[in-house]
């Protein structure tokens, strides 16, 4: 993740499940905290075409969620989805 000031933060992702064109589940953490939260990403084809992606982040407690929001994890999620989109377009 890169914050708005350009500082980089290392992340550790362990994929728990990959179902092609349907779902990704992974554990997000760092070298210091291996399991900060879990993520499930689902892919759907809505009626009328296009694609729908849903990302759900699960935290161990409300305090952990509040800390993630304060840190800017939503920006990190957007960066992750942008890299995924770039990868899929190139493929």
Protein backbone atom coordinates (compact mmCIF):
# COMPACT_ATOMS: atom_id res chain seq x y z
CA UNK A 1 0.00 0.00 0.00
CA UNK A 2 1.16 3.54 -0.76
CA UNK A 3 -0.35 6.35 1.29
CA UNK A 4 -1.20 9.84 0.04
CA UNK A 5 2.27 11.06 1.10
CA UNK A 6 4.02 8.35 -0.94
CA UNK A 7 5.04 6.16 2.01
CA UNK A 8 4.95 2.43 1.23
CA UNK A 9 3.64 -0.25 3.59
CA UNK A 10 4.48 -3.91 3.08
CA UNK A 11 1.59 -6.36 3.17
CA UNK A 12 1.44 -10.12 3.48
CA UNK A 13 -1.36 -11.89 1.61
CA UNK A 14 -2.07 -15.62 1.96
CA UNK A 15 -4.68 -16.89 -0.49
CA UNK A 16 -6.99 -19.39 1.17
CA UNK A 17 -9.26 -20.07 -1.79
CA UNK A 18 -9.21 -19.25 -5.50
CA UNK A 19 -12.26 -20.21 -7.57
CA UNK A 20 -11.64 -18.94 -11.10
CA UNK A 21 -14.14 -16.29 -12.26
CA UNK A 22 -16.08 -16.64 -9.00
CA UNK A 23 -14.25 -15.97 -5.72
CA UNK A 24 -10.97 -15.16 -3.95
CA UNK A 25 -10.51 -15.45 -0.20
CA UNK A 26 -7.36 -14.40 1.55
CA UNK A 27 -5.83 -13.46 4.87
CA UNK A 28 -4.26 -10.00 4.96
CA UNK A 29 -1.46 -9.19 7.35
CA UNK A 30 2.13 -8.08 7.71
CA UNK A 31 5.33 -9.69 8.91
CA UNK A 32 4.54 -8.38 12.41
CA UNK A 33 0.84 -9.33 12.40
CA UNK A 34 0.15 -12.33 10.16
CA UNK A 35 -3.65 -12.18 10.39
CA UNK A 36 -4.95 -8.62 10.55
CA UNK A 37 -8.18 -9.40 8.69
CA UNK A 38 -9.77 -11.75 6.17
CA UNK A 39 -11.07 -10.75 2.75
CA UNK A 40 -13.56 -12.34 0.37
CA UNK A 41 -13.87 -11.04 -3.18
CA UNK A 42 -16.73 -12.32 -5.33
CA UNK A 43 -17.27 -11.83 -9.06
CA UNK A 44 -20.68 -11.85 -10.74
CA UNK A 45 -22.14 -11.22 -14.19
CA UNK A 46 -25.27 -9.13 -13.62
CA UNK A 47 -28.20 -9.25 -16.01
CA UNK A 48 -27.52 -6.81 -18.82
CA UNK A 49 -23.79 -7.53 -19.00
CA UNK A 50 -20.73 -6.13 -17.35
CA UNK A 51 -19.14 -7.35 -14.17
CA UNK A 52 -19.87 -6.90 -10.48
CA UNK A 53 -17.15 -7.28 -7.88
CA UNK A 54 -17.88 -7.35 -4.15
CA UNK A 55 -15.10 -7.13 -1.56
CA UNK A 56 -15.85 -7.94 2.07
CA UNK A 57 -13.24 -7.39 4.79
CA UNK A 58 -13.76 -9.19 8.12
CA UNK A 59 -12.07 -8.00 11.30
CA UNK A 60 -11.71 -9.72 14.66
CA UNK A 61 -13.27 -6.82 16.56
CA UNK A 62 -14.81 -3.40 16.12
CA UNK A 63 -11.60 -1.86 17.50
CA UNK A 64 -9.59 -3.58 14.75
CA UNK A 65 -12.06 -2.29 12.16
CA UNK A 66 -11.84 1.27 13.52
CA UNK A 67 -8.04 1.08 13.46
CA UNK A 68 -8.08 -0.09 9.82
CA UNK A 69 -10.39 2.77 8.82
CA UNK A 70 -8.17 5.29 10.61
CA UNK A 71 -5.08 3.82 8.91
CA UNK A 72 -6.69 4.07 5.45
CA UNK A 73 -7.18 0.41 4.58
CA UNK A 74 -9.99 1.43 2.21
CA UNK A 75 -7.37 3.18 0.06
CA UNK A 76 -5.26 0.02 0.16
CA UNK A 77 -8.28 -1.99 -1.01
CA UNK A 78 -8.76 0.40 -3.94
CA UNK A 79 -5.08 0.01 -4.86
CA UNK A 80 -5.42 -3.78 -4.70
CA UNK A 81 -8.48 -3.73 -6.98
CA UNK A 82 -6.69 -1.43 -9.44
CA UNK A 83 -3.76 -3.87 -9.65
CA UNK A 84 -6.21 -6.76 -10.13
CA UNK A 85 -7.96 -4.87 -12.95
CA UNK A 86 -4.61 -4.10 -14.62
CA UNK A 87 -3.65 -7.78 -14.37
CA UNK A 88 -6.94 -8.99 -15.84
CA UNK A 89 -6.81 -6.51 -18.73
CA UNK A 90 -3.27 -7.60 -19.60
CA UNK A 91 -4.21 -11.27 -19.49
